[in-house]
Amino acid sequence: MGGWVDFSVRNLYRQLILYSVEQRIKKLERRGHNFNREKIVKEMEAVNPIAIFMVFGGLIWFVDDSFKFGMFNLLFPYLRIIFYALILIGLNHYFGWIRLKK
């Protein structure tokens, strides 16, 4: 079961990346701009995890505010650290500053 769920989430994430890339290309084509598909793919791979995390944080805040659990104040410092880490990972992915050798 775990392998199926993992594959399904990876498939959904890959579809999200492809959808984001296609939407960005369509927008650039409508405006008449030139584009580099590989650059757009790298950009979407760097930006989408940050956007998903922000939606997740907003959902936690909304549920916490609605039900008055008080958990958001406890989680906020950790969410902020994860947010900054995702930004650094995304920047590294896009610019390729640090590369791991296999």
N, C-alpha and C. Protein backbone atom coordinates (compact mmCIF):
# COMPACT_ATOMS: atom_id res chain seq x y z
N MET A 1 0.82 -1.20 0.00
CA MET A 1 0.00 0.00 0.00
C MET A 1 0.87 1.26 0.00
N GLY A 2 1.94 1.26 0.79
CA GLY A 2 2.80 2.43 0.88
C GLY A 2 3.45 2.77 -0.45
N GLY A 3 3.86 1.74 -1.20
CA GLY A 3 4.48 1.98 -2.50
C GLY A 3 3.50 2.57 -3.49
N TRP A 4 2.24 2.13 -3.43
CA TRP A 4 1.22 2.65 -4.34
C TRP A 4 0.94 4.12 -4.05
N VAL A 5 0.85 4.46 -2.76
CA VAL A 5 0.58 5.85 -2.38
C VAL A 5 1.76 6.73 -2.78
N ASP A 6 2.98 6.24 -2.55
CA ASP A 6 4.17 6.99 -2.92
C ASP A 6 4.20 7.24 -4.42
N PHE A 7 3.91 6.22 -5.20
CA PHE A 7 3.89 6.37 -6.66
C PHE A 7 2.80 7.35 -7.07
N SER A 8 1.65 7.29 -6.43
CA SER A 8 0.55 8.17 -6.78
C SER A 8 0.90 9.64 -6.48
N VAL A 9 1.54 9.90 -5.35
CA VAL A 9 1.92 11.27 -5.00
C VAL A 9 2.98 11.77 -5.97
N ARG A 10 3.94 10.92 -6.31
CA ARG A 10 4.97 11.33 -7.28
C ARG A 10 4.32 11.64 -8.63
N ASN A 11 3.36 10.82 -9.02
CA ASN A 11 2.67 11.04 -10.29
C ASN A 11 1.90 12.36 -10.26
N LEU A 12 1.21 12.64 -9.16
CA LEU A 12 0.48 13.90 -9.05
C LEU A 12 1.43 15.10 -9.08
N TYR A 13 2.57 14.97 -8.40
CA TYR A 13 3.55 16.05 -8.38
C TYR A 13 4.12 16.29 -9.78
N ARG A 14 4.43 15.22 -10.49
CA ARG A 14 4.95 15.33 -11.85
C ARG A 14 3.91 15.99 -12.76
N GLN A 15 2.64 15.63 -12.59
CA GLN A 15 1.58 16.25 -13.38
C GLN A 15 1.46 17.74 -13.06
N LEU A 16 1.63 18.10 -11.78
CA LEU A 16 1.60 19.51 -11.39
C LEU A 16 2.73 20.29 -12.05
N ILE A 17 3.92 19.70 -12.07
CA ILE A 17 5.06 20.35 -12.73
C ILE A 17 4.77 20.55 -14.21
N LEU A 18 4.31 19.49 -14.88
CA LEU A 18 4.03 19.58 -16.31
C LEU A 18 2.93 20.60 -16.60
N TYR A 19 1.89 20.62 -15.76
CA TYR A 19 0.82 21.59 -15.95
C TYR A 19 1.34 23.02 -15.78
N SER A 20 2.16 23.23 -14.76
CA SER A 20 2.73 24.56 -14.52
C SER A 20 3.61 25.01 -15.68
N VAL A 21 4.40 24.08 -16.20
CA VAL A 21 5.27 24.40 -17.34
C VAL A 21 4.43 24.77 -18.56
N GLU A 22 3.42 23.97 -18.84
CA GLU A 22 2.58 24.24 -20.01
C GLU A 22 1.86 25.58 -19.87
N GLN A 23 1.38 25.90 -18.67
CA GLN A 23 0.71 27.18 -18.48
C GLN A 23 1.67 28.35 -18.66
N ARG A 24 2.89 28.21 -18.17
CA ARG A 24 3.89 29.27 -18.33
C ARG A 24 4.24 29.45 -19.80
N ILE A 25 4.38 28.35 -20.55
CA ILE A 25 4.71 28.43 -21.97
C ILE A 25 3.57 29.10 -22.74
N LYS A 26 2.33 28.71 -22.43
CA LYS A 26 1.19 29.34 -23.09
C LYS A 26 1.16 30.84 -22.84
N LYS A 27 1.45 31.25 -21.60
CA LYS A 27 1.46 32.67 -21.26
C LYS A 27 2.54 33.40 -22.03
N LEU A 28 3.73 32.80 -22.12
CA LEU A 28 4.82 33.45 -22.86
C LEU A 28 4.52 33.50 -24.36
N GLU A 29 3.89 32.46 -24.89
CA GLU A 29 3.52 32.47 -26.32
C GLU A 29 2.48 33.54 -26.61
N ARG A 30 1.50 33.71 -25.71
CA ARG A 30 0.49 34.75 -25.92
C ARG A 30 1.12 36.14 -25.94
N ARG A 31 2.13 36.33 -25.14
CA ARG A 31 2.80 37.63 -25.08
C ARG A 31 3.86 37.79 -26.16
N GLY A 32 4.15 36.72 -26.89
CA GLY A 32 5.12 36.80 -27.97
C GLY A 32 6.56 36.75 -27.51
N HIS A 33 6.82 36.22 -26.31
CA HIS A 33 8.18 36.13 -25.79
C HIS A 33 8.82 34.80 -26.17
N ASN A 34 10.14 34.82 -26.27
CA ASN A 34 10.88 33.58 -26.47
C ASN A 34 11.01 32.88 -25.12
N PHE A 35 11.17 31.54 -25.15
CA PHE A 35 11.29 30.81 -23.89
C PHE A 35 12.21 29.63 -24.06
N ASN A 36 12.75 29.19 -22.95
CA ASN A 36 13.60 28.01 -22.88
C ASN A 36 12.88 27.01 -21.99
N ARG A 37 12.42 25.91 -22.56
CA ARG A 37 11.62 24.93 -21.81
C ARG A 37 12.38 24.35 -20.62
N GLU A 38 13.67 24.05 -20.78
CA GLU A 38 14.43 23.47 -19.67
C GLU A 38 14.52 24.44 -18.50
N LYS A 39 14.68 25.72 -18.80
CA LYS A 39 14.74 26.74 -17.76
C LYS A 39 13.41 26.85 -17.03
N ILE A 40 12.32 26.77 -17.76
CA ILE A 40 10.99 26.84 -17.15
C ILE A 40 10.75 25.63 -16.27
N VAL A 41 11.17 24.44 -16.71
CA VAL A 41 11.01 23.23 -15.91
C VAL A 41 11.79 23.36 -14.60
N LYS A 42 13.03 23.83 -14.68
CA LYS A 42 13.83 24.01 -13.46
C LYS A 42 13.18 25.03 -12.53
N GLU A 43 12.64 26.08 -13.10
CA GLU A 43 11.97 27.10 -12.29
C GLU A 43 10.76 26.52 -11.57
N MET A 44 9.95 25.77 -12.29
CA MET A 44 8.75 25.18 -11.68
C MET A 44 9.12 24.13 -10.63
N GLU A 45 10.19 23.37 -10.87
CA GLU A 45 10.64 22.39 -9.88
C GLU A 45 11.16 23.08 -8.63
N ALA A 46 11.65 24.30 -8.76
CA ALA A 46 12.15 25.04 -7.61
C ALA A 46 11.03 25.77 -6.87
N VAL A 47 10.03 26.25 -7.59
CA VAL A 47 9.00 27.09 -6.99
C VAL A 47 7.81 26.30 -6.46
N ASN A 48 7.42 25.23 -7.11
CA ASN A 48 6.22 24.50 -6.71
C ASN A 48 6.27 23.93 -5.30
N PRO A 49 7.39 23.36 -4.82
CA PRO A 49 7.38 22.89 -3.43
C PRO A 49 7.13 24.02 -2.42
N ILE A 50 7.63 25.21 -2.72
CA ILE A 50 7.40 26.35 -1.83
C ILE A 50 5.92 26.72 -1.84
N ALA A 51 5.31 26.73 -3.01
CA ALA A 51 3.89 27.06 -3.11
C ALA A 51 3.02 26.02 -2.41
N ILE A 52 3.35 24.75 -2.58
CA ILE A 52 2.59 23.69 -1.91
C ILE A 52 2.72 23.83 -0.40
N PHE A 53 3.93 24.12 0.08
CA PHE A 53 4.13 24.30 1.51
C PHE A 53 3.35 25.50 2.04
N MET A 54 3.29 26.57 1.26
CA MET A 54 2.52 27.75 1.69
C MET A 54 1.04 27.43 1.78
N VAL A 55 0.53 26.65 0.84
CA VAL A 55 -0.88 26.23 0.90
C VAL A 55 -1.11 25.36 2.14
N PHE A 56 -0.17 24.44 2.41
CA PHE A 56 -0.26 23.59 3.59
C PHE A 56 -0.25 24.43 4.87
N GLY A 57 0.63 25.42 4.96
CA GLY A 57 0.67 26.30 6.12
C GLY A 57 -0.61 27.11 6.27
N GLY A 58 -1.14 27.58 5.15
CA GLY A 58 -2.41 28.30 5.20
C GLY A 58 -3.55 27.42 5.66
N LEU A 59 -3.54 26.16 5.23
CA LEU A 59 -4.57 25.22 5.66
C LEU A 59 -4.47 24.95 7.16
N ILE A 60 -3.24 24.78 7.66
CA ILE A 60 -3.06 24.59 9.11
C ILE A 60 -3.56 25.82 9.87
N TRP A 61 -3.21 27.01 9.38
CA TRP A 61 -3.67 28.23 10.04
C TRP A 61 -5.19 28.32 10.04
N PHE A 62 -5.82 28.00 8.89
CA PHE A 62 -7.28 28.09 8.78
C PHE A 62 -7.96 27.12 9.73
N VAL A 63 -7.50 25.87 9.77
CA VAL A 63 -8.09 24.87 10.67
C VAL A 63 -7.88 25.28 12.12
N ASP A 64 -6.68 25.75 12.43
CA ASP A 64 -6.38 26.16 13.80
C ASP A 64 -7.23 27.35 14.21
N ASP A 65 -7.41 28.30 13.31
CA ASP A 65 -8.21 29.48 13.62
C ASP A 65 -9.69 29.13 13.76
N SER A 66 -10.15 28.19 12.95
CA SER A 66 -11.56 27.81 12.99
C SER A 66 -11.92 27.03 14.26
N PHE A 67 -11.05 26.11 14.66
CA PHE A 67 -11.36 25.24 15.79
C PHE A 67 -10.67 25.66 17.09
N LYS A 68 -9.87 26.71 17.05
CA LYS A 68 -9.19 27.26 18.23
C LYS A 68 -8.34 26.21 18.96
N PHE A 69 -7.55 25.46 18.18
CA PHE A 69 -6.66 24.46 18.77
C PHE A 69 -5.44 25.10 19.43
N GLY A 70 -4.92 26.17 18.88
CA GLY A 70 -3.74 26.81 19.40
C GLY A 70 -2.44 26.16 18.95
N MET A 71 -2.52 25.31 17.93
CA MET A 71 -1.32 24.60 17.48
C MET A 71 -0.47 25.43 16.53
N PHE A 72 -1.05 26.41 15.84
CA PHE A 72 -0.28 27.17 14.87
C PHE A 72 0.83 27.96 15.54
N ASN A 73 0.56 28.51 16.72
CA ASN A 73 1.59 29.26 17.43
C ASN A 73 2.75 28.35 17.83
N LEU A 74 2.47 27.10 18.11
CA LEU A 74 3.53 26.15 18.44
C LEU A 74 4.31 25.72 17.20
N LEU A 75 3.62 25.58 16.08
CA LEU A 75 4.25 25.08 14.86
C LEU A 75 4.92 26.18 14.03
N PHE A 76 4.57 27.44 14.25
CA PHE A 76 5.06 28.51 13.39
C PHE A 76 6.58 28.58 13.29
N PRO A 77 7.34 28.50 14.39
CA PRO A 77 8.81 28.55 14.24
C PRO A 77 9.35 27.42 13.36
N TYR A 78 8.78 26.23 13.49
CA TYR A 78 9.23 25.10 12.68
C TYR A 78 8.82 25.27 11.22
N LEU A 79 7.62 25.78 11.01
CA LEU A 79 7.17 26.03 9.64
C LEU A 79 8.05 27.08 8.97
N ARG A 80 8.47 28.08 9.72
CA ARG A 80 9.33 29.12 9.16
C ARG A 80 10.70 28.54 8.77
N ILE A 81 11.25 27.67 9.61
CA ILE A 81 12.53 27.03 9.29
C ILE A 81 12.41 26.17 8.04
N ILE A 82 11.33 25.40 7.95
CA ILE A 82 11.11 24.56 6.76
C ILE A 82 10.94 25.44 5.53
N PHE A 83 10.23 26.55 5.66
CA PHE A 83 10.02 27.47 4.55
C PHE A 83 11.34 28.02 4.02
N TYR A 84 12.21 28.47 4.92
CA TYR A 84 13.52 28.98 4.50
C TYR A 84 14.38 27.89 3.88
N ALA A 85 14.30 26.68 4.44
CA ALA A 85 15.06 25.56 3.87
C ALA A 85 14.58 25.25 2.45
N LEU A 86 13.26 25.28 2.24
CA LEU A 86 12.73 25.03 0.89
C LEU A 86 13.19 26.11 -0.09
N ILE A 87 13.26 27.34 0.37
CA ILE A 87 13.74 28.42 -0.50
C ILE A 87 15.20 28.17 -0.89
N LEU A 88 16.03 27.82 0.09
CA LEU A 88 17.44 27.55 -0.21
C LEU A 88 17.60 26.35 -1.14
N ILE A 89 16.83 25.30 -0.90
CA ILE A 89 16.90 24.11 -1.76
C ILE A 89 16.45 24.46 -3.18
N GLY A 90 15.38 25.26 -3.29
CA GLY A 90 14.89 25.67 -4.60
C GLY A 90 15.90 26.53 -5.35
N LEU A 91 16.52 27.47 -4.64
CA LEU A 91 17.55 28.29 -5.28
C LEU A 91 18.74 27.45 -5.72
N ASN A 92 19.14 26.50 -4.89
CA ASN A 92 20.24 25.62 -5.26
C ASN A 92 19.87 24.77 -6.47
N HIS A 93 18.63 24.29 -6.51
CA HIS A 93 18.20 23.48 -7.66
C HIS A 93 18.22 24.30 -8.94
N TYR A 94 17.76 25.54 -8.85
CA TYR A 94 17.68 26.38 -10.04
C TYR A 94 19.05 26.81 -10.54
N PHE A 95 19.90 27.28 -9.62
CA PHE A 95 21.20 27.80 -10.02
C PHE A 95 22.30 26.74 -10.03
N GLY A 96 22.12 25.63 -9.33
CA GLY A 96 23.11 24.55 -9.32
C GLY A 96 24.38 24.89 -8.60
N TRP A 97 24.28 25.58 -7.47
CA TRP A 97 25.47 25.98 -6.72
C TRP A 97 26.19 24.76 -6.14
N ILE A 98 25.43 23.89 -5.48
CA ILE A 98 26.02 22.71 -4.83
C ILE A 98 25.49 21.47 -5.53
N ARG A 99 26.38 20.64 -6.00
CA ARG A 99 25.98 19.41 -6.68
C ARG A 99 26.56 18.22 -5.95
N LEU A 100 25.74 17.22 -5.75
CA LEU A 100 26.19 16.00 -5.09
C LEU A 100 26.65 15.01 -6.13
N LYS A 101 27.80 14.41 -5.90
CA LYS A 101 28.31 13.41 -6.83
C LYS A 101 27.79 12.05 -6.41
N LYS A 102 27.46 11.24 -7.40
CA LYS A 102 26.94 9.90 -7.12
C LYS A 102 28.07 8.90 -7.04
